[in-house]
Amino acid sequence: MIAVIYIGEPRYRDLTRLNHETLFDQLRSNWPIQTYDFTHGAWDRSRCPFELSGQIQVWDWYESVAKITEPYVIKLRTDVWFGPGAVQAVLSELTNIVSGAQDISYLGAELYEDFATEYNRILAGKMVKIQDYCVIADKRRVRPQQEVYNEMLTGKQYKSGNRTWRYLATDHSRCYSVRCQMYLVRDHPREVTDWQIGYDFVRSFDKCDKAQAWWELNRPVKC
């Protein structure tokens, strides 16, 4: 029923494995799930006609989804880290999609406005940029593959995934951009904690002074 697909570069898998298992355990308690490895190097990607990273991610998604039978798909990266409340955010969004209440959810951290929130869902509508670390979709309710490929080949060229993942949605799709404590691992941290991995993630971006200050203010006190 539920497919979890990994796409992209296989980064930090050794570090995130147990963190991802916390999500899988929760998923299994509600639905049958199957995980698939479609990361780079796991299959032949020589047919990909795109060069920009965001477009390659969307191509990876469509090509991967064509190989599976499950109707509901959770797209992950191996370097995603689920911080406080992030697993529950995924479960809530997946529940909405399985129930038919919506079609697509785009999840990830937001470091300029909602960096302190654990769960803020915004109707994507005409949003220019969306969250894209985790994408959940009913694959039966996305745009046709070739239509999306044609638009990426002939339309405006976007490098970033936070723009290109919008191609999945039709004009009538019910989709949400969800801001939550979901980070990307940037390096092997000094300590494997939510706080440290989130802090390292925030520091990897320019112009995130407010988010960095909030993280420093909320540094855990060691006993």
N, C-alpha and C. Protein backbone atom coordinates (compact mmCIF):
# COMPACT_ATOMS: atom_id res chain seq x y z
N MET A 1 0.83 -1.22 0.00
CA MET A 1 0.00 0.00 0.00
C MET A 1 0.86 1.27 0.00
N ILE A 2 1.90 1.27 0.87
CA ILE A 2 2.78 2.44 0.98
C ILE A 2 4.18 2.08 0.49
N ALA A 3 4.69 2.84 -0.45
CA ALA A 3 6.07 2.67 -0.91
C ALA A 3 6.92 3.82 -0.38
N VAL A 4 8.04 3.47 0.22
CA VAL A 4 9.04 4.47 0.60
C VAL A 4 10.18 4.32 -0.40
N ILE A 5 10.43 5.37 -1.18
CA ILE A 5 11.50 5.30 -2.18
C ILE A 5 12.61 6.27 -1.82
N TYR A 6 13.83 5.78 -1.89
CA TYR A 6 15.00 6.63 -1.73
C TYR A 6 15.54 6.99 -3.11
N ILE A 7 15.74 8.30 -3.34
CA ILE A 7 16.36 8.75 -4.57
C ILE A 7 17.49 9.70 -4.22
N GLY A 8 18.28 10.09 -5.23
CA GLY A 8 19.38 11.02 -5.02
C GLY A 8 20.67 10.32 -4.65
N GLU A 9 21.63 11.11 -4.23
CA GLU A 9 22.92 10.58 -3.82
C GLU A 9 22.79 9.85 -2.49
N PRO A 10 23.41 8.68 -2.33
CA PRO A 10 23.30 7.91 -1.07
C PRO A 10 24.26 8.44 -0.01
N ARG A 11 23.91 9.57 0.59
CA ARG A 11 24.78 10.21 1.58
C ARG A 11 24.36 9.86 3.01
N TYR A 12 25.34 9.64 3.88
CA TYR A 12 25.15 9.52 5.33
C TYR A 12 24.15 8.43 5.73
N ARG A 13 24.02 7.41 4.91
CA ARG A 13 23.06 6.35 5.21
C ARG A 13 23.39 5.66 6.53
N ASP A 14 24.67 5.50 6.84
CA ASP A 14 25.06 4.86 8.08
C ASP A 14 24.61 5.66 9.30
N LEU A 15 24.57 6.98 9.15
CA LEU A 15 24.21 7.86 10.26
C LEU A 15 22.70 7.95 10.47
N THR A 16 21.94 7.92 9.38
CA THR A 16 20.51 8.17 9.48
C THR A 16 19.66 6.90 9.59
N ARG A 17 20.26 5.74 9.46
CA ARG A 17 19.49 4.50 9.37
C ARG A 17 18.53 4.33 10.57
N LEU A 18 19.06 4.45 11.78
CA LEU A 18 18.22 4.25 12.96
C LEU A 18 17.16 5.34 13.08
N ASN A 19 17.52 6.56 12.71
CA ASN A 19 16.56 7.67 12.74
C ASN A 19 15.39 7.39 11.80
N HIS A 20 15.68 6.85 10.62
CA HIS A 20 14.62 6.53 9.67
C HIS A 20 13.77 5.36 10.14
N GLU A 21 14.37 4.46 10.89
CA GLU A 21 13.61 3.32 11.40
C GLU A 21 12.51 3.76 12.37
N THR A 22 12.71 4.90 13.03
CA THR A 22 11.64 5.40 13.91
C THR A 22 10.40 5.73 13.09
N LEU A 23 10.61 6.27 11.88
CA LEU A 23 9.48 6.52 10.99
C LEU A 23 8.87 5.22 10.51
N PHE A 24 9.71 4.30 10.05
CA PHE A 24 9.20 3.04 9.49
C PHE A 24 8.39 2.25 10.52
N ASP A 25 8.85 2.26 11.77
CA ASP A 25 8.11 1.55 12.82
C ASP A 25 6.71 2.12 12.98
N GLN A 26 6.60 3.44 12.93
CA GLN A 26 5.29 4.08 13.05
C GLN A 26 4.42 3.79 11.83
N LEU A 27 5.04 3.81 10.65
CA LEU A 27 4.28 3.50 9.43
C LEU A 27 3.74 2.07 9.48
N ARG A 28 4.59 1.12 9.88
CA ARG A 28 4.18 -0.29 9.90
C ARG A 28 3.04 -0.55 10.88
N SER A 29 2.92 0.28 11.87
CA SER A 29 1.84 0.08 12.84
C SER A 29 0.50 0.52 12.27
N ASN A 30 0.52 1.17 11.11
CA ASN A 30 -0.72 1.66 10.50
C ASN A 30 -1.00 1.09 9.11
N TRP A 31 0.07 0.81 8.34
CA TRP A 31 -0.12 0.35 6.97
C TRP A 31 1.00 -0.63 6.60
N PRO A 32 0.76 -1.47 5.60
CA PRO A 32 1.86 -2.26 5.03
C PRO A 32 2.77 -1.34 4.21
N ILE A 33 4.07 -1.46 4.39
CA ILE A 33 5.00 -0.61 3.66
C ILE A 33 6.09 -1.46 3.00
N GLN A 34 6.66 -0.91 1.96
CA GLN A 34 7.80 -1.52 1.28
C GLN A 34 8.79 -0.42 0.95
N THR A 35 10.07 -0.63 1.24
CA THR A 35 11.10 0.37 0.92
C THR A 35 11.85 -0.06 -0.34
N TYR A 36 12.25 0.96 -1.13
CA TYR A 36 12.96 0.74 -2.38
C TYR A 36 14.16 1.68 -2.46
N ASP A 37 15.26 1.14 -2.93
CA ASP A 37 16.48 1.93 -3.11
C ASP A 37 16.65 2.28 -4.59
N PHE A 38 16.34 3.54 -4.92
CA PHE A 38 16.55 4.04 -6.27
C PHE A 38 17.58 5.17 -6.26
N THR A 39 18.50 5.11 -5.30
CA THR A 39 19.55 6.13 -5.23
C THR A 39 20.51 5.97 -6.40
N HIS A 40 21.30 6.99 -6.63
CA HIS A 40 22.25 6.96 -7.73
C HIS A 40 23.24 5.80 -7.55
N GLY A 41 23.44 5.06 -8.59
CA GLY A 41 24.31 3.89 -8.53
C GLY A 41 23.56 2.60 -8.31
N ALA A 42 22.30 2.70 -7.88
CA ALA A 42 21.52 1.50 -7.63
C ALA A 42 20.83 0.99 -8.90
N TRP A 43 20.76 1.85 -9.92
CA TRP A 43 20.13 1.45 -11.19
C TRP A 43 20.66 2.34 -12.30
N ASP A 44 20.37 1.97 -13.52
CA ASP A 44 20.90 2.66 -14.70
C ASP A 44 20.14 3.96 -14.95
N ARG A 45 20.82 5.07 -14.81
CA ARG A 45 20.22 6.39 -15.02
C ARG A 45 20.76 7.07 -16.28
N SER A 46 21.35 6.31 -17.17
CA SER A 46 21.99 6.89 -18.36
C SER A 46 20.98 7.54 -19.31
N ARG A 47 19.68 7.19 -19.17
CA ARG A 47 18.67 7.77 -20.06
C ARG A 47 18.21 9.15 -19.62
N CYS A 48 18.64 9.59 -18.47
CA CYS A 48 18.15 10.87 -17.95
C CYS A 48 18.57 12.01 -18.86
N PRO A 49 17.63 12.80 -19.39
CA PRO A 49 17.97 13.88 -20.31
C PRO A 49 18.26 15.22 -19.62
N PHE A 50 18.22 15.24 -18.29
CA PHE A 50 18.33 16.50 -17.55
C PHE A 50 19.69 16.62 -16.86
N GLU A 51 20.10 17.88 -16.66
CA GLU A 51 21.38 18.15 -16.02
C GLU A 51 21.24 18.92 -14.71
N LEU A 52 20.17 19.68 -14.55
CA LEU A 52 19.99 20.46 -13.33
C LEU A 52 19.45 19.55 -12.22
N SER A 53 19.95 19.76 -11.00
CA SER A 53 19.68 18.81 -9.92
C SER A 53 18.20 18.68 -9.61
N GLY A 54 17.46 19.77 -9.59
CA GLY A 54 16.05 19.69 -9.29
C GLY A 54 15.29 18.89 -10.33
N GLN A 55 15.64 19.06 -11.58
CA GLN A 55 14.99 18.31 -12.65
C GLN A 55 15.34 16.83 -12.56
N ILE A 56 16.58 16.54 -12.22
CA ILE A 56 17.00 15.14 -12.08
C ILE A 56 16.21 14.46 -10.96
N GLN A 57 15.95 15.18 -9.87
CA GLN A 57 15.19 14.61 -8.77
C GLN A 57 13.78 14.22 -9.23
N VAL A 58 13.14 15.09 -9.99
CA VAL A 58 11.78 14.81 -10.46
C VAL A 58 11.80 13.65 -11.46
N TRP A 59 12.82 13.61 -12.32
CA TRP A 59 12.96 12.48 -13.26
C TRP A 59 13.14 11.18 -12.49
N ASP A 60 14.00 11.22 -11.47
CA ASP A 60 14.21 10.04 -10.63
C ASP A 60 12.89 9.55 -10.04
N TRP A 61 12.06 10.49 -9.59
CA TRP A 61 10.80 10.13 -8.95
C TRP A 61 9.88 9.40 -9.94
N TYR A 62 9.69 9.99 -11.10
CA TYR A 62 8.78 9.37 -12.08
C TYR A 62 9.29 8.01 -12.54
N GLU A 63 10.59 7.92 -12.78
CA GLU A 63 11.15 6.64 -13.24
C GLU A 63 11.05 5.58 -12.14
N SER A 64 11.24 5.98 -10.90
CA SER A 64 11.14 5.05 -9.78
C SER A 64 9.71 4.59 -9.57
N VAL A 65 8.78 5.54 -9.60
CA VAL A 65 7.37 5.21 -9.37
C VAL A 65 6.84 4.27 -10.44
N ALA A 66 7.38 4.36 -11.64
CA ALA A 66 6.95 3.46 -12.72
C ALA A 66 7.32 2.01 -12.44
N LYS A 67 8.24 1.78 -11.51
CA LYS A 67 8.72 0.43 -11.23
C LYS A 67 8.00 -0.23 -10.04
N ILE A 68 7.09 0.49 -9.41
CA ILE A 68 6.44 -0.04 -8.21
C ILE A 68 4.93 -0.10 -8.42
N THR A 69 4.25 -0.86 -7.56
CA THR A 69 2.81 -1.03 -7.69
C THR A 69 2.02 -0.28 -6.62
N GLU A 70 2.66 0.12 -5.54
CA GLU A 70 1.95 0.77 -4.45
C GLU A 70 1.38 2.13 -4.91
N PRO A 71 0.17 2.48 -4.49
CA PRO A 71 -0.43 3.75 -4.92
C PRO A 71 0.08 4.98 -4.18
N TYR A 72 0.54 4.79 -2.94
CA TYR A 72 0.98 5.93 -2.13
C TYR A 72 2.49 5.87 -1.97
N VAL A 73 3.14 7.01 -2.21
CA VAL A 73 4.60 7.04 -2.29
C VAL A 73 5.17 8.11 -1.36
N ILE A 74 6.14 7.69 -0.54
CA ILE A 74 6.91 8.64 0.28
C ILE A 74 8.31 8.70 -0.31
N LYS A 75 8.69 9.86 -0.81
CA LYS A 75 10.04 10.05 -1.35
C LYS A 75 10.94 10.58 -0.25
N LEU A 76 12.08 9.91 -0.05
CA LEU A 76 13.05 10.35 0.94
C LEU A 76 14.44 10.47 0.32
N ARG A 77 15.28 11.22 1.01
CA ARG A 77 16.71 11.24 0.76
C ARG A 77 17.38 10.48 1.90
N THR A 78 18.52 9.87 1.63
CA THR A 78 19.20 9.14 2.71
C THR A 78 19.77 10.09 3.75
N ASP A 79 19.97 11.37 3.40
CA ASP A 79 20.56 12.32 4.35
C ASP A 79 19.51 13.15 5.10
N VAL A 80 18.24 12.78 5.01
CA VAL A 80 17.20 13.44 5.80
C VAL A 80 17.32 13.00 7.25
N TRP A 81 17.07 13.96 8.16
CA TRP A 81 17.03 13.66 9.59
C TRP A 81 15.71 14.14 10.16
N PHE A 82 15.02 13.23 10.85
CA PHE A 82 13.74 13.57 11.45
C PHE A 82 13.97 14.10 12.86
N GLY A 83 13.77 15.41 13.02
CA GLY A 83 13.90 16.03 14.32
C GLY A 83 12.58 16.00 15.09
N PRO A 84 12.46 16.81 16.16
CA PRO A 84 11.26 16.77 17.00
C PRO A 84 9.98 17.00 16.20
N GLY A 85 9.05 16.07 16.30
CA GLY A 85 7.75 16.21 15.66
C GLY A 85 7.70 15.87 14.19
N ALA A 86 8.84 15.61 13.55
CA ALA A 86 8.85 15.40 12.10
C ALA A 86 8.20 14.08 11.70
N VAL A 87 8.42 13.03 12.48
CA VAL A 87 7.79 11.75 12.17
C VAL A 87 6.27 11.89 12.25
N GLN A 88 5.79 12.58 13.27
CA GLN A 88 4.34 12.77 13.41
C GLN A 88 3.79 13.60 12.25
N ALA A 89 4.57 14.57 11.76
CA ALA A 89 4.14 15.37 10.62
C ALA A 89 3.96 14.49 9.38
N VAL A 90 4.90 13.57 9.16
CA VAL A 90 4.79 12.65 8.03
C VAL A 90 3.56 11.77 8.17
N LEU A 91 3.33 11.23 9.38
CA LEU A 91 2.17 10.37 9.60
C LEU A 91 0.86 11.13 9.37
N SER A 92 0.80 12.36 9.83
CA SER A 92 -0.42 13.15 9.66
C SER A 92 -0.70 13.43 8.19
N GLU A 93 0.35 13.80 7.45
CA GLU A 93 0.16 14.11 6.03
C GLU A 93 -0.20 12.85 5.24
N LEU A 94 0.46 11.73 5.55
CA LEU A 94 0.14 10.49 4.85
C LEU A 94 -1.30 10.06 5.14
N THR A 95 -1.74 10.22 6.37
CA THR A 95 -3.11 9.89 6.72
C THR A 95 -4.09 10.70 5.87
N ASN A 96 -3.81 11.99 5.71
CA ASN A 96 -4.68 12.84 4.89
C ASN A 96 -4.73 12.36 3.44
N ILE A 97 -3.59 11.92 2.93
CA ILE A 97 -3.53 11.48 1.53
C ILE A 97 -4.23 10.14 1.35
N VAL A 98 -3.98 9.21 2.25
CA VAL A 98 -4.61 7.89 2.15
C VAL A 98 -6.13 8.01 2.29
N SER A 99 -6.59 8.93 3.11
CA SER A 99 -8.03 9.12 3.31
C SER A 99 -8.70 9.83 2.14
N GLY A 100 -7.88 10.36 1.21
CA GLY A 100 -8.43 11.08 0.06
C GLY A 100 -8.67 12.55 0.30
N ALA A 101 -8.22 13.08 1.44
CA ALA A 101 -8.44 14.49 1.76
C ALA A 101 -7.52 15.42 0.99
N GLN A 102 -6.37 14.92 0.53
CA GLN A 102 -5.45 15.72 -0.26
C GLN A 102 -4.62 14.79 -1.14
N ASP A 103 -3.79 15.39 -2.01
CA ASP A 103 -3.08 14.62 -3.03
C ASP A 103 -1.57 14.57 -2.82
N ILE A 104 -0.96 15.68 -2.41
CA ILE A 104 0.50 15.77 -2.31
C ILE A 104 0.87 16.58 -1.07
N SER A 105 1.93 16.16 -0.39
CA SER A 105 2.51 16.94 0.71
C SER A 105 4.01 17.07 0.48
N TYR A 106 4.51 18.28 0.66
CA TYR A 106 5.93 18.58 0.54
C TYR A 106 6.42 18.98 1.93
N LEU A 107 7.40 18.25 2.48
CA LEU A 107 7.81 18.50 3.86
C LEU A 107 9.30 18.82 3.97
N GLY A 108 9.63 19.66 4.97
CA GLY A 108 11.02 19.97 5.25
C GLY A 108 11.13 21.18 6.16
N ALA A 109 12.35 21.49 6.55
CA ALA A 109 12.60 22.64 7.41
C ALA A 109 12.46 23.94 6.63
N GLU A 110 12.13 25.01 7.35
CA GLU A 110 12.08 26.36 6.79
C GLU A 110 12.90 27.24 7.72
N LEU A 111 13.92 27.91 7.22
CA LEU A 111 14.91 28.53 8.09
C LEU A 111 14.85 30.05 8.15
N TYR A 112 13.84 30.66 7.55
CA TYR A 112 13.76 32.11 7.56
C TYR A 112 12.56 32.64 8.35
N GLU A 113 11.48 31.86 8.42
CA GLU A 113 10.28 32.31 9.13
C GLU A 113 9.83 31.30 10.19
N ASP A 114 9.75 30.03 9.81
CA ASP A 114 9.16 29.01 10.68
C ASP A 114 10.20 28.05 11.25
N PHE A 115 11.38 28.53 11.55
CA PHE A 115 12.44 27.63 11.99
C PHE A 115 12.16 27.02 13.35
N ALA A 116 11.27 27.60 14.14
CA ALA A 116 10.98 27.08 15.48
C ALA A 116 9.76 26.17 15.52
N THR A 117 9.04 26.05 14.42
CA THR A 117 7.79 25.29 14.42
C THR A 117 8.04 23.81 14.23
N GLU A 118 7.16 23.01 14.80
CA GLU A 118 7.22 21.56 14.60
C GLU A 118 6.25 21.09 13.54
N TYR A 119 5.24 21.91 13.22
CA TYR A 119 4.26 21.46 12.22
C TYR A 119 3.41 22.65 11.78
N ASN A 120 3.70 23.15 10.60
CA ASN A 120 2.91 24.24 10.02
C ASN A 120 2.63 23.89 8.57
N ARG A 121 1.40 23.57 8.27
CA ARG A 121 1.01 23.17 6.92
C ARG A 121 0.34 24.35 6.21
N ILE A 122 0.81 24.63 5.00
CA ILE A 122 0.34 25.77 4.23
C ILE A 122 -0.13 25.26 2.87
N LEU A 123 -1.34 25.65 2.48
CA LEU A 123 -1.84 25.28 1.16
C LEU A 123 -0.87 25.81 0.11
N ALA A 124 -0.32 24.91 -0.70
CA ALA A 124 0.75 25.30 -1.62
C ALA A 124 0.27 26.30 -2.66
N GLY A 125 -0.91 26.07 -3.25
CA GLY A 125 -1.46 27.04 -4.18
C GLY A 125 -0.44 27.51 -5.20
N LYS A 126 -0.19 28.81 -5.17
CA LYS A 126 0.76 29.41 -6.11
C LYS A 126 2.10 29.72 -5.46
N MET A 127 2.42 29.04 -4.34
CA MET A 127 3.71 29.26 -3.70
C MET A 127 4.84 29.02 -4.70
N VAL A 128 5.81 29.91 -4.72
CA VAL A 128 6.93 29.77 -5.65
C VAL A 128 7.87 28.66 -5.18
N LYS A 129 8.15 28.64 -3.88
CA LYS A 129 9.06 27.65 -3.31
C LYS A 129 8.32 26.82 -2.27
N ILE A 130 8.60 25.52 -2.29
CA ILE A 130 7.97 24.61 -1.36
C ILE A 130 9.06 23.83 -0.62
N GLN A 131 8.67 23.10 0.43
CA GLN A 131 9.62 22.22 1.11
C GLN A 131 9.76 20.96 0.25
N ASP A 132 10.92 20.31 0.30
CA ASP A 132 11.10 19.19 -0.65
C ASP A 132 11.99 18.06 -0.13
N TYR A 133 12.28 18.00 1.16
CA TYR A 133 13.14 16.93 1.67
C TYR A 133 12.40 15.59 1.67
N CYS A 134 11.11 15.66 1.91
CA CYS A 134 10.25 14.48 1.85
C CYS A 134 9.02 14.87 1.05
N VAL A 135 8.64 14.05 0.08
CA VAL A 135 7.45 14.30 -0.73
C VAL A 135 6.55 13.08 -0.63
N ILE A 136 5.30 13.31 -0.25
CA ILE A 136 4.32 12.24 -0.14
C ILE A 136 3.24 12.49 -1.18
N ALA A 137 2.88 11.46 -1.94
CA ALA A 137 1.89 11.66 -2.99
C ALA A 137 1.08 10.41 -3.25
N ASP A 138 -0.16 10.62 -3.66
CA ASP A 138 -0.95 9.57 -4.31
C ASP A 138 -0.53 9.61 -5.78
N LYS A 139 0.20 8.61 -6.22
CA LYS A 139 0.79 8.67 -7.57
C LYS A 139 -0.27 8.68 -8.67
N ARG A 140 -1.50 8.32 -8.33
CA ARG A 140 -2.58 8.34 -9.31
C ARG A 140 -3.12 9.73 -9.54
N ARG A 141 -2.68 10.69 -8.72
CA ARG A 141 -3.24 12.04 -8.80
C ARG A 141 -2.16 13.09 -9.07
N VAL A 142 -1.08 12.69 -9.72
CA VAL A 142 -0.04 13.64 -10.15
C VAL A 142 -0.13 13.83 -11.66
N ARG A 143 0.60 14.80 -12.15
CA ARG A 143 0.60 15.07 -13.59
C ARG A 143 1.25 13.92 -14.36
N PRO A 144 0.84 13.69 -15.60
CA PRO A 144 1.45 12.63 -16.40
C PRO A 144 2.95 12.85 -16.58
N GLN A 145 3.68 11.76 -16.57
CA GLN A 145 5.14 11.80 -16.65
C GLN A 145 5.64 12.59 -17.86
N GLN A 146 5.18 12.27 -19.05
CA GLN A 146 5.72 12.90 -20.25
C GLN A 146 5.37 14.39 -20.30
N GLU A 147 4.23 14.75 -19.77
CA GLU A 147 3.85 16.16 -19.71
C GLU A 147 4.84 16.95 -18.86
N VAL A 148 5.23 16.36 -17.74
CA VAL A 148 6.20 17.02 -16.86
C VAL A 148 7.57 17.08 -17.52
N TYR A 149 8.00 15.99 -18.15
CA TYR A 149 9.29 15.99 -18.84
C TYR A 149 9.34 17.06 -19.92
N ASN A 150 8.28 17.18 -20.69
CA ASN A 150 8.25 18.18 -21.76
C ASN A 150 8.36 19.59 -21.21
N GLU A 151 7.67 19.85 -20.09
CA GLU A 151 7.74 21.19 -19.49
C GLU A 151 9.14 21.47 -18.96
N MET A 152 9.78 20.48 -18.36
CA MET A 152 11.13 20.70 -17.84
C MET A 152 12.14 20.90 -18.97
N LEU A 153 11.89 20.28 -20.12
CA LEU A 153 12.81 20.43 -21.25
C LEU A 153 12.64 21.76 -21.97
N THR A 154 11.40 22.24 -22.05
CA THR A 154 11.13 23.42 -22.88
C THR A 154 10.81 24.68 -22.08
N GLY A 155 10.45 24.54 -20.81
CA GLY A 155 10.06 25.68 -20.01
C GLY A 155 11.24 26.33 -19.30
N LYS A 156 10.92 27.19 -18.33
CA LYS A 156 11.95 27.86 -17.55
C LYS A 156 12.79 26.83 -16.81
N GLN A 157 14.09 27.04 -16.79
CA GLN A 157 15.00 26.06 -16.21
C GLN A 157 15.27 26.38 -14.74
N TYR A 158 14.87 25.46 -13.85
CA TYR A 158 15.08 25.62 -12.43
C TYR A 158 16.07 24.57 -11.94
N LYS A 159 17.03 25.02 -11.15
CA LYS A 159 18.01 24.10 -10.58
C LYS A 159 17.52 23.49 -9.27
N SER A 160 16.82 24.29 -8.47
CA SER A 160 16.49 23.88 -7.11
C SER A 160 15.24 23.01 -7.07
N GLY A 161 15.31 21.97 -6.24
CA GLY A 161 14.17 21.09 -6.07
C GLY A 161 12.97 21.78 -5.44
N ASN A 162 13.19 22.86 -4.67
CA ASN A 162 12.05 23.51 -4.04
C ASN A 162 11.17 24.26 -5.04
N ARG A 163 11.61 24.27 -6.30
CA ARG A 163 10.77 24.78 -7.39
C ARG A 163 10.28 23.65 -8.30
N THR A 164 11.19 22.71 -8.61
CA THR A 164 10.83 21.69 -9.60
C THR A 164 9.83 20.66 -9.08
N TRP A 165 9.80 20.42 -7.77
CA TRP A 165 8.84 19.44 -7.26
C TRP A 165 7.41 19.89 -7.43
N ARG A 166 7.19 21.16 -7.69
CA ARG A 166 5.83 21.65 -7.96
C ARG A 166 5.28 21.04 -9.25
N TYR A 167 6.16 20.56 -10.13
CA TYR A 167 5.70 20.00 -11.40
C TYR A 167 4.77 18.80 -11.19
N LEU A 168 4.85 18.13 -10.06
CA LEU A 168 3.98 16.99 -9.82
C LEU A 168 2.52 17.39 -9.76
N ALA A 169 2.24 18.62 -9.32
CA ALA A 169 0.87 19.04 -9.05
C ALA A 169 0.17 19.57 -10.29
N THR A 170 -1.09 19.21 -10.45
CA THR A 170 -1.93 19.80 -11.48
C THR A 170 -2.50 21.11 -10.94
N ASP A 171 -3.25 21.82 -11.79
CA ASP A 171 -3.89 23.06 -11.34
C ASP A 171 -4.94 22.79 -10.27
N HIS A 172 -5.40 21.56 -10.21
CA HIS A 172 -6.47 21.22 -9.26
C HIS A 172 -5.99 20.35 -8.10
N SER A 173 -4.70 20.09 -8.03
CA SER A 173 -4.18 19.25 -6.95
C SER A 173 -4.37 19.91 -5.59
N ARG A 174 -4.71 19.09 -4.63
CA ARG A 174 -4.79 19.55 -3.24
C ARG A 174 -3.45 19.22 -2.59
N CYS A 175 -2.59 20.23 -2.53
CA CYS A 175 -1.24 19.98 -2.03
C CYS A 175 -0.84 21.03 -0.99
N TYR A 176 0.00 20.57 -0.05
CA TYR A 176 0.43 21.41 1.06
C TYR A 176 1.94 21.40 1.17
N SER A 177 2.48 22.56 1.53
CA SER A 177 3.89 22.67 1.90
C SER A 177 3.93 22.68 3.43
N VAL A 178 4.67 21.72 3.98
CA VAL A 178 4.65 21.50 5.43
C VAL A 178 6.01 21.83 6.02
N ARG A 179 6.03 22.81 6.90
CA ARG A 179 7.26 23.23 7.56
C ARG A 179 7.37 22.52 8.90
N CYS A 180 8.49 21.81 9.08
CA CYS A 180 8.65 21.00 10.29
C CYS A 180 10.15 20.86 10.59
N GLN A 181 10.45 20.15 11.68
CA GLN A 181 11.84 19.97 12.10
C GLN A 181 12.46 18.77 11.38
N MET A 182 12.63 18.92 10.08
CA MET A 182 13.22 17.89 9.23
C MET A 182 14.43 18.52 8.55
N TYR A 183 15.62 17.99 8.87
CA TYR A 183 16.86 18.61 8.41
C TYR A 183 17.57 17.72 7.39
N LEU A 184 18.67 18.24 6.87
CA LEU A 184 19.58 17.44 6.06
C LEU A 184 20.91 17.34 6.79
N VAL A 185 21.47 16.16 6.85
CA VAL A 185 22.77 15.97 7.49
C VAL A 185 23.84 16.58 6.59
N ARG A 186 24.66 17.43 7.16
CA ARG A 186 25.69 18.12 6.39
C ARG A 186 27.08 17.55 6.60
N ASP A 187 27.29 16.89 7.73
CA ASP A 187 28.60 16.32 8.03
C ASP A 187 28.39 15.35 9.19
N HIS A 188 29.41 14.57 9.51
CA HIS A 188 29.32 13.72 10.68
C HIS A 188 29.42 14.62 11.92
N PRO A 189 28.36 14.69 12.71
CA PRO A 189 28.32 15.64 13.82
C PRO A 189 29.18 15.21 15.00
N ARG A 190 29.50 16.16 15.85
CA ARG A 190 30.24 15.84 17.07
C ARG A 190 29.41 14.94 17.97
N GLU A 191 28.10 15.19 17.99
CA GLU A 191 27.16 14.37 18.75
C GLU A 191 25.97 14.05 17.84
N VAL A 192 25.52 12.83 17.89
CA VAL A 192 24.36 12.45 17.07
C VAL A 192 23.09 12.74 17.87
N THR A 193 22.69 14.00 17.84
CA THR A 193 21.47 14.45 18.51
C THR A 193 20.67 15.31 17.53
N ASP A 194 19.37 15.43 17.80
CA ASP A 194 18.53 16.30 16.97
C ASP A 194 19.08 17.71 16.95
N TRP A 195 19.46 18.20 18.14
CA TRP A 195 19.93 19.58 18.22
C TRP A 195 21.20 19.79 17.39
N GLN A 196 22.17 18.91 17.54
CA GLN A 196 23.45 19.09 16.85
C GLN A 196 23.28 19.01 15.33
N ILE A 197 22.51 18.04 14.87
CA ILE A 197 22.33 17.88 13.43
C ILE A 197 21.54 19.06 12.86
N GLY A 198 20.53 19.53 13.60
CA GLY A 198 19.80 20.72 13.17
C GLY A 198 20.67 21.96 13.16
N TYR A 199 21.50 22.11 14.17
CA TYR A 199 22.39 23.28 14.25
C TYR A 199 23.41 23.28 13.12
N ASP A 200 24.01 22.14 12.85
CA ASP A 200 24.96 22.06 11.74
C ASP A 200 24.28 22.38 10.42
N PHE A 201 23.04 21.93 10.27
CA PHE A 201 22.27 22.21 9.07
C PHE A 201 22.03 23.71 8.91
N VAL A 202 21.58 24.36 9.97
CA VAL A 202 21.30 25.80 9.92
C VAL A 202 22.56 26.59 9.58
N ARG A 203 23.67 26.21 10.18
CA ARG A 203 24.93 26.93 9.95
C ARG A 203 25.46 26.78 8.53
N SER A 204 24.95 25.81 7.78
CA SER A 204 25.41 25.62 6.40
C SER A 204 24.78 26.60 5.42
N PHE A 205 23.83 27.41 5.90
CA PHE A 205 23.15 28.38 5.05
C PHE A 205 23.57 29.80 5.41
N ASP A 206 23.60 30.66 4.40
CA ASP A 206 23.83 32.09 4.62
C ASP A 206 22.52 32.76 5.01
N LYS A 207 22.64 33.87 5.70
CA LYS A 207 21.49 34.73 6.02
C LYS A 207 20.44 34.03 6.88
N CYS A 208 20.88 33.12 7.72
CA CYS A 208 19.96 32.45 8.65
C CYS A 208 20.33 32.80 10.08
N ASP A 209 20.66 34.06 10.31
CA ASP A 209 21.13 34.49 11.63
C ASP A 209 20.07 34.27 12.71
N LYS A 210 18.81 34.55 12.39
CA LYS A 210 17.75 34.38 13.39
C LYS A 210 17.59 32.92 13.77
N ALA A 211 17.63 32.05 12.77
CA ALA A 211 17.49 30.61 13.05
C ALA A 211 18.68 30.12 13.86
N GLN A 212 19.88 30.58 13.52
CA GLN A 212 21.06 30.15 14.26
C GLN A 212 20.99 30.63 15.71
N ALA A 213 20.53 31.87 15.90
CA ALA A 213 20.41 32.41 17.26
C ALA A 213 19.38 31.61 18.06
N TRP A 214 18.29 31.21 17.42
CA TRP A 214 17.26 30.42 18.11
C TRP A 214 17.84 29.07 18.52
N TRP A 215 18.60 28.45 17.63
CA TRP A 215 19.20 27.15 17.97
C TRP A 215 20.16 27.29 19.15
N GLU A 216 20.97 28.34 19.13
CA GLU A 216 21.93 28.53 20.22
C GLU A 216 21.23 28.79 21.54
N LEU A 217 20.11 29.50 21.48
CA LEU A 217 19.32 29.78 22.68
C LEU A 217 18.72 28.51 23.26
N ASN A 218 18.44 27.55 22.37
CA ASN A 218 17.79 26.30 22.78
C ASN A 218 18.77 25.12 22.83
N ARG A 219 20.04 25.43 23.00
CA ARG A 219 21.04 24.37 23.16
C ARG A 219 20.71 23.58 24.43
N PRO A 220 20.67 22.24 24.34
CA PRO A 220 20.37 21.44 25.53
C PRO A 220 21.41 21.66 26.62
N VAL A 221 20.94 21.70 27.86
CA VAL A 221 21.83 21.87 28.99
C VAL A 221 22.31 20.49 29.42
N LYS A 222 23.63 20.32 29.47
CA LYS A 222 24.18 19.03 29.89
C LYS A 222 24.19 18.93 31.39
N CYS A 223 23.78 17.76 31.89
CA CYS A 223 23.76 17.54 33.33
C CYS A 223 25.16 17.33 33.87
